[in-house]
Amino acid sequence: MSARMCVQKSVMVLGLLAGAVFAVPALAGEVEDAIAKRLADAVPRLQVLSVKPSEAQGLYEVQSNNGETIYTTADGQYLLTGDLLKLTDDGITNVTEESRARDRRDMMAKEDIKDAISFPAKGEEKAVISVFTDIDCPYCRKLHAEVPQLNDYGITVNYYGFPRSGPGTPSFAKYVSVWCSDDPKAAMDAAKQGQSVAPASCENPVLEQFLLGKEVGVTGTPAIVLDDGHMVRGYVPAETLAKGLGLL
């Protein structure tokens, strides 16, 4: 067989293969559903919240109930954990964190602000931060001591419960008592100063907020979620936070 005939045959075979691959494309959502099922079957305790194509061609981004991001091939066979980084003209961008931030922003936007214990800005409100907090956490108490300063900068602080010890513990019950008190703000002030709060119970959102914290990736307290969904992990001085928000 001549070289020319070999080339022609190769081209014809490639064309047939291409036709076989693209003639019946997967319907929208089929790949995502298959990935979710394969992961759920392989790891029964894993709850897949979403599956979507990632920026990196050939990889899919999976969000799980514990806030972890997983990357997988289209067949769900190969998995990657950790942050996906992208080289750009301006340097390195954390693709995973940007995706997390968008998801956090959307999840926090669905929350009823009436369920938060809110310390509003004084005068013009210039920024709002959502803080997942544990009453017994030392650095949470340190941040709370600077809430009046944050309010003076025009920052509203909305507290969401994240008692790190979890449901059924004294710390969790303490947060419920604060939320259910006649004056939650005053009770929060007292509790953050180590004072006792009268036990109280009522229908409350503390468990839902605790679970929300896990979904948005809270691993420690305080965890500060900004308006754009980015998270500041741990204590940050009020002045530093205000500068980071462009207020100083």
C-alpha atoms as a PDB file:
ATOM      1  CA  MET A   1       0.000   0.000   0.000  1.00  0.00           C
ATOM      2  CA  SER A   2       1.364   3.396  -0.961  1.00  0.00           C
ATOM      3  CA  ALA A   3       2.083   6.084   1.598  1.00  0.00           C
ATOM      4  CA  ARG A   4      -0.685   8.214   0.049  1.00  0.00           C
ATOM      5  CA  MET A   5      -3.245   5.423   0.463  1.00  0.00           C
ATOM      6  CA  CYS A   6      -2.177   4.910   4.076  1.00  0.00           C
ATOM      7  CA  VAL A   7      -2.725   8.592   4.839  1.00  0.00           C
ATOM      8  CA  GLN A   8      -6.141   8.540   3.110  1.00  0.00           C
ATOM      9  CA  LYS A   9      -7.172   5.443   5.064  1.00  0.00           C
ATOM     10  CA  SER A  10      -6.004   6.965   8.331  1.00  0.00           C
ATOM     11  CA  VAL A  11      -7.973  10.142   7.665  1.00  0.00           C
ATOM     12  CA  MET A  12     -11.074   8.075   6.833  1.00  0.00           C
ATOM     13  CA  VAL A  13     -10.762   6.036  10.049  1.00  0.00           C
ATOM     14  CA  LEU A  14     -10.299   9.146  12.148  1.00  0.00           C
ATOM     15  CA  GLY A  15     -13.323  10.669  10.500  1.00  0.00           C
ATOM     16  CA  LEU A  16     -15.428   7.604  11.310  1.00  0.00           C
ATOM     17  CA  LEU A  17     -14.228   7.627  14.917  1.00  0.00           C
ATOM     18  CA  ALA A  18     -14.990  11.321  15.247  1.00  0.00           C
ATOM     19  CA  GLY A  19     -18.444  10.711  13.876  1.00  0.00           C
ATOM     20  CA  ALA A  20     -19.009   7.899  16.364  1.00  0.00           C
ATOM     21  CA  VAL A  21     -17.914  10.115  19.241  1.00  0.00           C
ATOM     22  CA  PHE A  22     -19.913  13.191  18.334  1.00  0.00           C
ATOM     23  CA  ALA A  23     -22.951  11.709  16.626  1.00  0.00           C
ATOM     24  CA  VAL A  24     -24.705  11.006  19.947  1.00  0.00           C
ATOM     25  CA  PRO A  25     -23.430  13.556  22.478  1.00  0.00           C
ATOM     26  CA  ALA A  26     -24.363  13.181  26.144  1.00  0.00           C
ATOM     27  CA  LEU A  27     -27.451  15.120  27.058  1.00  0.00           C
ATOM     28  CA  ALA A  28     -26.991  18.088  29.366  1.00  0.00           C
ATOM     29  CA  GLY A  29     -26.681  16.818  32.913  1.00  0.00           C
ATOM     30  CA  GLU A  30     -26.046  13.162  32.046  1.00  0.00           C
ATOM     31  CA  VAL A  31     -22.323  13.336  32.841  1.00  0.00           C
ATOM     32  CA  GLU A  32     -22.972  15.270  36.043  1.00  0.00           C
ATOM     33  CA  ASP A  33     -25.646  12.791  37.186  1.00  0.00           C
ATOM     34  CA  ALA A  34     -23.377   9.844  36.423  1.00  0.00           C
ATOM     35  CA  ILE A  35     -20.525  11.389  38.422  1.00  0.00           C
ATOM     36  CA  ALA A  36     -22.811  12.084  41.394  1.00  0.00           C
ATOM     37  CA  LYS A  37     -24.117   8.522  41.354  1.00  0.00           C
ATOM     38  CA  ARG A  38     -20.672   6.964  41.088  1.00  0.00           C
ATOM     39  CA  LEU A  39     -19.355   9.003  44.005  1.00  0.00           C
ATOM     40  CA  ALA A  40     -22.446   8.305  46.107  1.00  0.00           C
ATOM     41  CA  ASP A  41     -22.118   4.576  45.429  1.00  0.00           C
ATOM     42  CA  ALA A  42     -18.412   4.564  46.227  1.00  0.00           C
ATOM     43  CA  VAL A  43     -18.675   6.725  49.377  1.00  0.00           C
ATOM     44  CA  PRO A  44     -22.146   6.195  50.899  1.00  0.00           C
ATOM     45  CA  ARG A  45     -21.685   8.880  53.574  1.00  0.00           C
ATOM     46  CA  LEU A  46     -20.748  11.500  51.002  1.00  0.00           C
ATOM     47  CA  GLN A  47     -23.553  13.849  49.994  1.00  0.00           C
ATOM     48  CA  VAL A  48     -22.946  15.439  46.606  1.00  0.00           C
ATOM     49  CA  LEU A  49     -24.460  18.919  46.521  1.00  0.00           C
ATOM     50  CA  SER A  50     -23.518  19.883  42.979  1.00  0.00           C
ATOM     51  CA  VAL A  51     -21.506  18.771  39.967  1.00  0.00           C
ATOM     52  CA  LYS A  52     -20.480  21.142  37.194  1.00  0.00           C
ATOM     53  CA  PRO A  53     -17.745  21.486  34.564  1.00  0.00           C
ATOM     54  CA  SER A  54     -14.649  23.216  35.936  1.00  0.00           C
ATOM     55  CA  GLU A  55     -12.543  25.825  34.198  1.00  0.00           C
ATOM     56  CA  ALA A  56      -9.959  23.124  33.498  1.00  0.00           C
ATOM     57  CA  GLN A  57     -11.035  21.237  30.409  1.00  0.00           C
ATOM     58  CA  GLY A  58     -11.907  17.622  31.124  1.00  0.00           C
ATOM     59  CA  LEU A  59     -12.401  18.080  34.876  1.00  0.00           C
ATOM     60  CA  TYR A  60     -15.660  18.413  36.777  1.00  0.00           C
ATOM     61  CA  GLU A  61     -16.052  20.252  40.065  1.00  0.00           C
ATOM     62  CA  VAL A  62     -17.972  18.469  42.804  1.00  0.00           C
ATOM     63  CA  GLN A  63     -19.206  20.204  45.961  1.00  0.00           C
ATOM     64  CA  SER A  64     -19.880  17.953  48.938  1.00  0.00           C
ATOM     65  CA  ASN A  65     -21.831  18.385  52.154  1.00  0.00           C
ATOM     66  CA  ASN A  66     -18.663  18.914  54.210  1.00  0.00           C
ATOM     67  CA  GLY A  67     -17.613  21.933  52.178  1.00  0.00           C
ATOM     68  CA  GLU A  68     -14.822  20.078  50.399  1.00  0.00           C
ATOM     69  CA  THR A  69     -14.276  20.565  46.677  1.00  0.00           C
ATOM     70  CA  ILE A  70     -13.447  17.471  44.627  1.00  0.00           C
ATOM     71  CA  TYR A  71     -12.359  17.378  40.990  1.00  0.00           C
ATOM     72  CA  THR A  72     -13.092  14.339  38.871  1.00  0.00           C
ATOM     73  CA  THR A  73     -12.734  13.131  35.315  1.00  0.00           C
ATOM     74  CA  ALA A  74     -15.895  12.795  33.255  1.00  0.00           C
ATOM     75  CA  ASP A  75     -16.146   9.083  34.009  1.00  0.00           C
ATOM     76  CA  GLY A  76     -15.784   9.666  37.751  1.00  0.00           C
ATOM     77  CA  GLN A  77     -12.822   7.303  37.946  1.00  0.00           C
ATOM     78  CA  TYR A  78     -10.029   9.710  38.846  1.00  0.00           C
ATOM     79  CA  LEU A  79     -10.382  12.179  41.697  1.00  0.00           C
ATOM     80  CA  LEU A  80      -8.383  15.195  42.821  1.00  0.00           C
ATOM     81  CA  THR A  81      -8.720  17.088  46.079  1.00  0.00           C
ATOM     82  CA  GLY A  82      -7.261  20.447  46.962  1.00  0.00           C
ATOM     83  CA  ASP A  83      -7.267  23.839  45.292  1.00  0.00           C
ATOM     84  CA  LEU A  84      -7.091  24.243  41.528  1.00  0.00           C
ATOM     85  CA  LEU A  85      -4.702  27.046  40.566  1.00  0.00           C
ATOM     86  CA  LYS A  86      -4.548  28.914  37.268  1.00  0.00           C
ATOM     87  CA  LEU A  87      -1.629  30.808  35.784  1.00  0.00           C
ATOM     88  CA  THR A  88      -2.695  34.189  34.395  1.00  0.00           C
ATOM     89  CA  ASP A  89      -0.927  37.286  33.107  1.00  0.00           C
ATOM     90  CA  ASP A  90      -1.398  38.795  36.572  1.00  0.00           C
ATOM     91  CA  GLY A  91      -0.030  35.815  38.465  1.00  0.00           C
ATOM     92  CA  ILE A  92      -1.677  32.774  40.048  1.00  0.00           C
ATOM     93  CA  THR A  93      -5.431  32.674  40.631  1.00  0.00           C
ATOM     94  CA  ASN A  94      -7.071  30.229  43.019  1.00  0.00           C
ATOM     95  CA  VAL A  95      -9.900  28.916  40.834  1.00  0.00           C
ATOM     96  CA  THR A  96     -11.307  26.730  43.599  1.00  0.00           C
ATOM     97  CA  GLU A  97     -11.567  29.546  46.125  1.00  0.00           C
ATOM     98  CA  GLU A  98     -13.243  31.830  43.600  1.00  0.00           C
ATOM     99  CA  SER A  99     -15.838  29.131  42.973  1.00  0.00           C
ATOM    100  CA  ARG A 100     -16.299  28.612  46.712  1.00  0.00           C
ATOM    101  CA  ALA A 101     -16.775  32.348  47.178  1.00  0.00           C
ATOM    102  CA  ARG A 102     -19.548  32.470  44.575  1.00  0.00           C
ATOM    103  CA  ASP A 103     -21.282  29.521  46.217  1.00  0.00           C
ATOM    104  CA  ARG A 104     -20.936  31.067  49.692  1.00  0.00           C
ATOM    105  CA  ARG A 105     -22.340  34.362  48.465  1.00  0.00           C
ATOM    106  CA  ASP A 106     -25.366  32.626  46.975  1.00  0.00           C
ATOM    107  CA  MET A 107     -25.976  30.502  50.077  1.00  0.00           C
ATOM    108  CA  MET A 108     -25.664  33.433  52.469  1.00  0.00           C
ATOM    109  CA  ALA A 109     -28.012  35.514  50.297  1.00  0.00           C
ATOM    110  CA  LYS A 110     -30.747  32.943  50.954  1.00  0.00           C
ATOM    111  CA  GLU A 111     -30.471  33.296  54.730  1.00  0.00           C
ATOM    112  CA  ASP A 112     -33.109  35.253  56.632  1.00  0.00           C
ATOM    113  CA  ILE A 113     -31.297  38.130  58.278  1.00  0.00           C
ATOM    114  CA  LYS A 114     -33.832  37.969  61.116  1.00  0.00           C
ATOM    115  CA  ASP A 115     -32.187  34.720  62.207  1.00  0.00           C
ATOM    116  CA  ALA A 116     -28.834  36.413  62.767  1.00  0.00           C
ATOM    117  CA  ILE A 117     -27.879  38.269  65.917  1.00  0.00           C
ATOM    118  CA  SER A 118     -27.067  41.594  64.346  1.00  0.00           C
ATOM    119  CA  PHE A 119     -24.906  44.480  65.503  1.00  0.00           C
ATOM    120  CA  PRO A 120     -25.687  47.239  62.967  1.00  0.00           C
ATOM    121  CA  ALA A 121     -23.298  49.846  61.657  1.00  0.00           C
ATOM    122  CA  LYS A 122     -23.425  53.293  63.192  1.00  0.00           C
ATOM    123  CA  GLY A 123     -24.484  55.906  60.676  1.00  0.00           C
ATOM    124  CA  GLU A 124     -24.056  54.925  57.036  1.00  0.00           C
ATOM    125  CA  GLU A 125     -23.711  51.196  56.462  1.00  0.00           C
ATOM    126  CA  LYS A 126     -20.648  50.663  54.282  1.00  0.00           C
ATOM    127  CA  ALA A 127     -20.189  46.903  54.564  1.00  0.00           C
ATOM    128  CA  VAL A 128     -21.796  43.806  56.045  1.00  0.00           C
ATOM    129  CA  ILE A 129     -19.911  40.804  57.394  1.00  0.00           C
ATOM    130  CA  SER A 130     -21.390  37.458  58.396  1.00  0.00           C
ATOM    131  CA  VAL A 131     -19.475  35.918  61.272  1.00  0.00           C
ATOM    132  CA  PHE A 132     -19.786  32.257  62.244  1.00  0.00           C
ATOM    133  CA  THR A 133     -19.006  32.332  65.925  1.00  0.00           C
ATOM    134  CA  ASP A 134     -18.582  30.154  68.999  1.00  0.00           C
ATOM    135  CA  ILE A 135     -19.327  31.876  72.289  1.00  0.00           C
ATOM    136  CA  ASP A 136     -16.569  29.978  74.115  1.00  0.00           C
ATOM    137  CA  CYS A 137     -13.894  30.579  71.466  1.00  0.00           C
ATOM    138  CA  PRO A 138     -11.188  32.964  72.816  1.00  0.00           C
ATOM    139  CA  TYR A 139     -10.524  34.616  69.460  1.00  0.00           C
ATOM    140  CA  CYS A 140     -14.261  34.995  68.877  1.00  0.00           C
ATOM    141  CA  ARG A 141     -14.407  36.903  72.152  1.00  0.00           C
ATOM    142  CA  LYS A 142     -11.464  39.024  71.091  1.00  0.00           C
ATOM    143  CA  LEU A 143     -13.231  39.890  67.830  1.00  0.00           C
ATOM    144  CA  HIS A 144     -16.476  40.639  69.660  1.00  0.00           C
ATOM    145  CA  ALA A 145     -14.684  43.146  71.881  1.00  0.00           C
ATOM    146  CA  GLU A 146     -13.938  45.099  68.673  1.00  0.00           C
ATOM    147  CA  VAL A 147     -17.474  44.968  67.251  1.00  0.00           C
ATOM    148  CA  PRO A 148     -18.211  48.542  68.453  1.00  0.00           C
ATOM    149  CA  GLN A 149     -15.120  49.679  66.527  1.00  0.00           C
ATOM    150  CA  LEU A 150     -16.320  47.796  63.436  1.00  0.00           C
ATOM    151  CA  ASN A 151     -19.721  49.434  63.800  1.00  0.00           C
ATOM    152  CA  ASP A 152     -18.027  52.854  63.997  1.00  0.00           C
ATOM    153  CA  TYR A 153     -16.310  52.073  60.675  1.00  0.00           C
ATOM    154  CA  GLY A 154     -19.747  51.510  59.134  1.00  0.00           C
ATOM    155  CA  ILE A 155     -19.593  47.697  59.256  1.00  0.00           C
ATOM    156  CA  THR A 156     -22.644  45.680  60.260  1.00  0.00           C
ATOM    157  CA  VAL A 157     -21.793  42.428  62.020  1.00  0.00           C
ATOM    158  CA  ASN A 158     -24.268  39.563  61.648  1.00  0.00           C
ATOM    159  CA  TYR A 159     -23.580  36.585  63.897  1.00  0.00           C
ATOM    160  CA  TYR A 160     -24.409  33.015  62.903  1.00  0.00           C
ATOM    161  CA  GLY A 161     -24.074  30.196  65.393  1.00  0.00           C
ATOM    162  CA  PHE A 162     -21.241  27.709  64.985  1.00  0.00           C
ATOM    163  CA  PRO A 163     -20.626  26.091  68.401  1.00  0.00           C
ATOM    164  CA  ARG A 164     -17.647  23.968  67.450  1.00  0.00           C
ATOM    165  CA  SER A 165     -18.449  21.179  69.896  1.00  0.00           C
ATOM    166  CA  GLY A 166     -21.648  20.507  67.980  1.00  0.00           C
ATOM    167  CA  PRO A 167     -25.255  19.765  68.939  1.00  0.00           C
ATOM    168  CA  GLY A 168     -26.024  18.336  72.350  1.00  0.00           C
ATOM    169  CA  THR A 169     -23.107  20.058  74.097  1.00  0.00           C
ATOM    170  CA  PRO A 170     -23.074  22.798  76.764  1.00  0.00           C
ATOM    171  CA  SER A 171     -21.568  25.289  74.313  1.00  0.00           C
ATOM    172  CA  PHE A 172     -24.344  24.611  71.814  1.00  0.00           C
ATOM    173  CA  ALA A 173     -26.992  25.007  74.522  1.00  0.00           C
ATOM    174  CA  LYS A 174     -25.361  28.282  75.572  1.00  0.00           C
ATOM    175  CA  TYR A 175     -25.736  29.696  72.048  1.00  0.00           C
ATOM    176  CA  VAL A 176     -29.387  28.598  71.968  1.00  0.00           C
ATOM    177  CA  SER A 177     -29.938  30.396  75.293  1.00  0.00           C
ATOM    178  CA  VAL A 178     -28.404  33.566  73.891  1.00  0.00           C
ATOM    179  CA  TRP A 179     -30.534  33.409  70.743  1.00  0.00           C
ATOM    180  CA  CYS A 180     -33.723  32.704  72.733  1.00  0.00           C
ATOM    181  CA  SER A 181     -33.175  35.402  75.362  1.00  0.00           C
ATOM    182  CA  ASP A 182     -35.348  38.508  75.510  1.00  0.00           C
ATOM    183  CA  ASP A 183     -32.391  40.623  74.337  1.00  0.00           C
ATOM    184  CA  PRO A 184     -30.028  38.469  72.226  1.00  0.00           C
ATOM    185  CA  LYS A 185     -27.541  41.310  71.691  1.00  0.00           C
ATOM    186  CA  ALA A 186     -27.192  41.957  75.420  1.00  0.00           C
ATOM    187  CA  ALA A 187     -27.008  38.227  76.089  1.00  0.00           C
ATOM    188  CA  MET A 188     -24.298  37.874  73.448  1.00  0.00           C
ATOM    189  CA  ASP A 189     -22.315  40.716  75.041  1.00  0.00           C
ATOM    190  CA  ALA A 190     -22.572  39.041  78.431  1.00  0.00           C
ATOM    191  CA  ALA A 191     -21.720  35.562  77.168  1.00  0.00           C
ATOM    192  CA  LYS A 192     -18.715  36.812  75.208  1.00  0.00           C
ATOM    193  CA  GLN A 193     -17.423  38.366  78.441  1.00  0.00           C
ATOM    194  CA  GLY A 194     -17.669  35.019  80.221  1.00  0.00           C
ATOM    195  CA  GLN A 195     -20.791  35.889  82.146  1.00  0.00           C
ATOM    196  CA  SER A 196     -23.529  33.322  82.670  1.00  0.00           C
ATOM    197  CA  VAL A 197     -26.686  33.513  80.579  1.00  0.00           C
ATOM    198  CA  ALA A 198     -30.003  32.265  81.886  1.00  0.00           C
ATOM    199  CA  PRO A 199     -30.906  28.972  80.219  1.00  0.00           C
ATOM    200  CA  ALA A 200     -33.603  29.433  77.614  1.00  0.00           C
ATOM    201  CA  SER A 201     -35.102  27.415  74.818  1.00  0.00           C
ATOM    202  CA  CYS A 202     -37.359  28.197  71.892  1.00  0.00           C
ATOM    203  CA  GLU A 203     -37.709  27.420  68.231  1.00  0.00           C
ATOM    204  CA  ASN A 204     -34.333  28.550  66.910  1.00  0.00           C
ATOM    205  CA  PRO A 205     -32.062  28.394  63.835  1.00  0.00           C
ATOM    206  CA  VAL A 206     -28.811  27.457  65.598  1.00  0.00           C
ATOM    207  CA  LEU A 207     -28.631  23.908  64.222  1.00  0.00           C
ATOM    208  CA  GLU A 208     -29.413  25.145  60.707  1.00  0.00           C
ATOM    209  CA  GLN A 209     -26.702  27.795  61.029  1.00  0.00           C
ATOM    210  CA  PHE A 210     -24.223  25.205  62.291  1.00  0.00           C
ATOM    211  CA  LEU A 211     -24.942  22.994  59.275  1.00  0.00           C
ATOM    212  CA  LEU A 212     -24.769  26.021  56.970  1.00  0.00           C
ATOM    213  CA  GLY A 213     -21.333  26.780  58.374  1.00  0.00           C
ATOM    214  CA  LYS A 214     -20.159  23.304  57.426  1.00  0.00           C
ATOM    215  CA  GLU A 215     -21.571  23.730  53.913  1.00  0.00           C
ATOM    216  CA  VAL A 216     -19.771  27.019  53.326  1.00  0.00           C
ATOM    217  CA  GLY A 217     -16.483  25.580  54.563  1.00  0.00           C
ATOM    218  CA  VAL A 218     -16.176  26.794  58.147  1.00  0.00           C
ATOM    219  CA  THR A 219     -13.493  24.761  59.884  1.00  0.00           C
ATOM    220  CA  GLY A 220     -12.769  27.057  62.820  1.00  0.00           C
ATOM    221  CA  THR A 221     -14.033  30.204  64.462  1.00  0.00           C
ATOM    222  CA  PRO A 222     -14.350  33.051  63.983  1.00  0.00           C
ATOM    223  CA  ALA A 223     -15.023  32.660  60.274  1.00  0.00           C
ATOM    224  CA  ILE A 224     -15.882  35.930  58.544  1.00  0.00           C
ATOM    225  CA  VAL A 225     -17.805  35.796  55.281  1.00  0.00           C
ATOM    226  CA  LEU A 226     -17.645  38.990  53.223  1.00  0.00           C
ATOM    227  CA  ASP A 227     -20.337  40.315  50.900  1.00  0.00           C
ATOM    228  CA  ASP A 228     -18.639  38.775  47.858  1.00  0.00           C
ATOM    229  CA  GLY A 229     -18.481  35.353  49.504  1.00  0.00           C
ATOM    230  CA  HIS A 230     -14.778  35.309  50.321  1.00  0.00           C
ATOM    231  CA  MET A 231     -13.961  34.019  53.780  1.00  0.00           C
ATOM    232  CA  VAL A 232     -11.522  35.427  56.312  1.00  0.00           C
ATOM    233  CA  ARG A 233     -10.526  32.601  58.627  1.00  0.00           C
ATOM    234  CA  GLY A 234      -9.716  33.508  62.194  1.00  0.00           C
ATOM    235  CA  TYR A 235      -9.415  36.723  64.171  1.00  0.00           C
ATOM    236  CA  VAL A 236      -8.501  39.908  62.306  1.00  0.00           C
ATOM    237  CA  PRO A 237      -8.130  43.278  64.100  1.00  0.00           C
ATOM    238  CA  ALA A 238     -10.981  45.671  63.345  1.00  0.00           C
ATOM    239  CA  GLU A 239      -8.713  48.231  61.707  1.00  0.00           C
ATOM    240  CA  THR A 240      -7.095  45.607  59.471  1.00  0.00           C
ATOM    241  CA  LEU A 241     -10.502  44.285  58.448  1.00  0.00           C
ATOM    242  CA  ALA A 242     -11.756  47.779  57.653  1.00  0.00           C
ATOM    243  CA  LYS A 243      -8.680  48.462  55.533  1.00  0.00           C
ATOM    244  CA  GLY A 244      -9.167  45.188  53.689  1.00  0.00           C
ATOM    245  CA  LEU A 245     -12.719  46.254  52.890  1.00  0.00           C
ATOM    246  CA  GLY A 246     -11.417  49.556  51.499  1.00  0.00           C
ATOM    247  CA  LEU A 247     -13.018  51.666  54.238  1.00  0.00           C
ATOM    248  CA  LEU A 248      -9.800  53.252  55.542  1.00  0.00           C
END
